[in-house]
């Protein structure tokens, strides 16, 4: 009887592991995908901010150059 109890306990643990694996893996992948999406959006915003800063710097240099020529 003790052996049957141990076998049922082991089978129960295996079934619980399979359940956690089938439910947990897609959930973790979905969260990872969401995280990668957020990271890609943040990287896109950083690139856009750098582009705006470069345009403003070029505009400022042009303005300062025109001002220097007019003096």
C-alpha atoms as a PDB file:
ATOM      1  CA  UNK A   1       0.000   0.000   0.000  1.00  0.00           C
ATOM      2  CA  UNK A   2       2.899   2.333   0.772  1.00  0.00           C
ATOM      3  CA  UNK A   3       4.385   1.709  -2.702  1.00  0.00           C
ATOM      4  CA  UNK A   4       1.067   2.568  -4.363  1.00  0.00           C
ATOM      5  CA  UNK A   5       0.898   5.789  -2.363  1.00  0.00           C
ATOM      6  CA  UNK A   6       4.412   6.722  -3.468  1.00  0.00           C
ATOM      7  CA  UNK A   7       3.613   5.918  -7.096  1.00  0.00           C
ATOM      8  CA  UNK A   8       0.456   8.070  -6.961  1.00  0.00           C
ATOM      9  CA  UNK A   9       2.448  10.903  -5.389  1.00  0.00           C
ATOM     10  CA  UNK A  10       5.084  10.708  -8.153  1.00  0.00           C
ATOM     11  CA  UNK A  11       2.421  10.557 -10.886  1.00  0.00           C
ATOM     12  CA  UNK A  12       0.683  13.545  -9.297  1.00  0.00           C
ATOM     13  CA  UNK A  13       3.927  15.530  -9.283  1.00  0.00           C
ATOM     14  CA  UNK A  14       4.583  14.654 -12.933  1.00  0.00           C
ATOM     15  CA  UNK A  15       1.044  15.717 -13.934  1.00  0.00           C
ATOM     16  CA  UNK A  16       1.398  18.952 -11.961  1.00  0.00           C
ATOM     17  CA  UNK A  17       4.718  19.631 -13.706  1.00  0.00           C
ATOM     18  CA  UNK A  18       3.165  19.017 -17.126  1.00  0.00           C
ATOM     19  CA  UNK A  19       0.263  21.339 -16.248  1.00  0.00           C
ATOM     20  CA  UNK A  20       2.576  24.095 -15.052  1.00  0.00           C
ATOM     21  CA  UNK A  21       4.713  23.647 -18.178  1.00  0.00           C
ATOM     22  CA  UNK A  22       1.747  23.851 -20.570  1.00  0.00           C
ATOM     23  CA  UNK A  23       0.202  26.855 -18.824  1.00  0.00           C
ATOM     24  CA  UNK A  24       3.349  28.680 -17.717  1.00  0.00           C
ATOM     25  CA  UNK A  25       5.451  28.606 -20.882  1.00  0.00           C
ATOM     26  CA  UNK A  26       2.957  30.442 -23.128  1.00  0.00           C
ATOM     27  CA  UNK A  27       2.324  32.952 -20.340  1.00  0.00           C
ATOM     28  CA  UNK A  28       6.037  33.607 -19.897  1.00  0.00           C
ATOM     29  CA  UNK A  29       6.529  33.938 -23.656  1.00  0.00           C
ATOM     30  CA  UNK A  30       3.644  36.400 -23.879  1.00  0.00           C
ATOM     31  CA  UNK A  31       5.113  38.497 -21.057  1.00  0.00           C
ATOM     32  CA  UNK A  32       8.541  38.331 -22.719  1.00  0.00           C
ATOM     33  CA  UNK A  33       6.992  39.459 -26.012  1.00  0.00           C
ATOM     34  CA  UNK A  34       5.302  42.347 -24.259  1.00  0.00           C
ATOM     35  CA  UNK A  35       8.589  43.265 -22.615  1.00  0.00           C
ATOM     36  CA  UNK A  36      10.416  43.153 -25.956  1.00  0.00           C
ATOM     37  CA  UNK A  37       7.664  45.332 -27.419  1.00  0.00           C
ATOM     38  CA  UNK A  38       8.071  47.924 -24.675  1.00  0.00           C
ATOM     39  CA  UNK A  39      11.849  47.875 -25.077  1.00  0.00           C
ATOM     40  CA  UNK A  40      11.568  48.346 -28.839  1.00  0.00           C
ATOM     41  CA  UNK A  41       9.186  51.286 -28.337  1.00  0.00           C
ATOM     42  CA  UNK A  42      11.630  52.879 -25.881  1.00  0.00           C
ATOM     43  CA  UNK A  43      14.514  52.393 -28.303  1.00  0.00           C
ATOM     44  CA  UNK A  44      12.408  53.941 -31.080  1.00  0.00           C
ATOM     45  CA  UNK A  45      11.647  56.948 -28.889  1.00  0.00           C
ATOM     46  CA  UNK A  46      15.337  57.343 -28.057  1.00  0.00           C
ATOM     47  CA  UNK A  47      16.266  57.286 -31.750  1.00  0.00           C
ATOM     48  CA  UNK A  48      13.554  59.846 -32.499  1.00  0.00           C
ATOM     49  CA  UNK A  49      14.825  62.082 -29.683  1.00  0.00           C
ATOM     50  CA  UNK A  50      18.371  61.870 -31.058  1.00  0.00           C
ATOM     51  CA  UNK A  51      17.119  62.816 -34.536  1.00  0.00           C
ATOM     52  CA  UNK A  52      15.240  65.824 -33.153  1.00  0.00           C
ATOM     53  CA  UNK A  53      18.327  66.902 -31.186  1.00  0.00           C
ATOM     54  CA  UNK A  54      20.509  66.687 -34.314  1.00  0.00           C
ATOM     55  CA  UNK A  55      18.016  68.748 -36.335  1.00  0.00           C
ATOM     56  CA  UNK A  56      17.854  71.384 -33.592  1.00  0.00           C
ATOM     57  CA  UNK A  57      21.666  71.499 -33.348  1.00  0.00           C
ATOM     58  CA  UNK A  58      22.035  71.951 -37.111  1.00  0.00           C
ATOM     59  CA  UNK A  59      19.368  74.651 -37.085  1.00  0.00           C
ATOM     60  CA  UNK A  60      21.141  76.450 -34.246  1.00  0.00           C
ATOM     61  CA  UNK A  61      24.477  76.288 -36.062  1.00  0.00           C
ATOM     62  CA  UNK A  62      22.902  77.699 -39.211  1.00  0.00           C
ATOM     63  CA  UNK A  63      21.279  80.491 -37.205  1.00  0.00           C
ATOM     64  CA  UNK A  64      24.554  81.354 -35.460  1.00  0.00           C
ATOM     65  CA  UNK A  65      26.385  81.304 -38.809  1.00  0.00           C
ATOM     66  CA  UNK A  66      23.857  83.693 -40.398  1.00  0.00           C
ATOM     67  CA  UNK A  67      24.085  85.955 -37.363  1.00  0.00           C
ATOM     68  CA  UNK A  68      27.903  85.980 -37.590  1.00  0.00           C
ATOM     69  CA  UNK A  69      27.758  86.855 -41.293  1.00  0.00           C
ATOM     70  CA  UNK A  70      25.396  89.760 -40.664  1.00  0.00           C
ATOM     71  CA  UNK A  71      27.674  91.382 -38.096  1.00  0.00           C
END
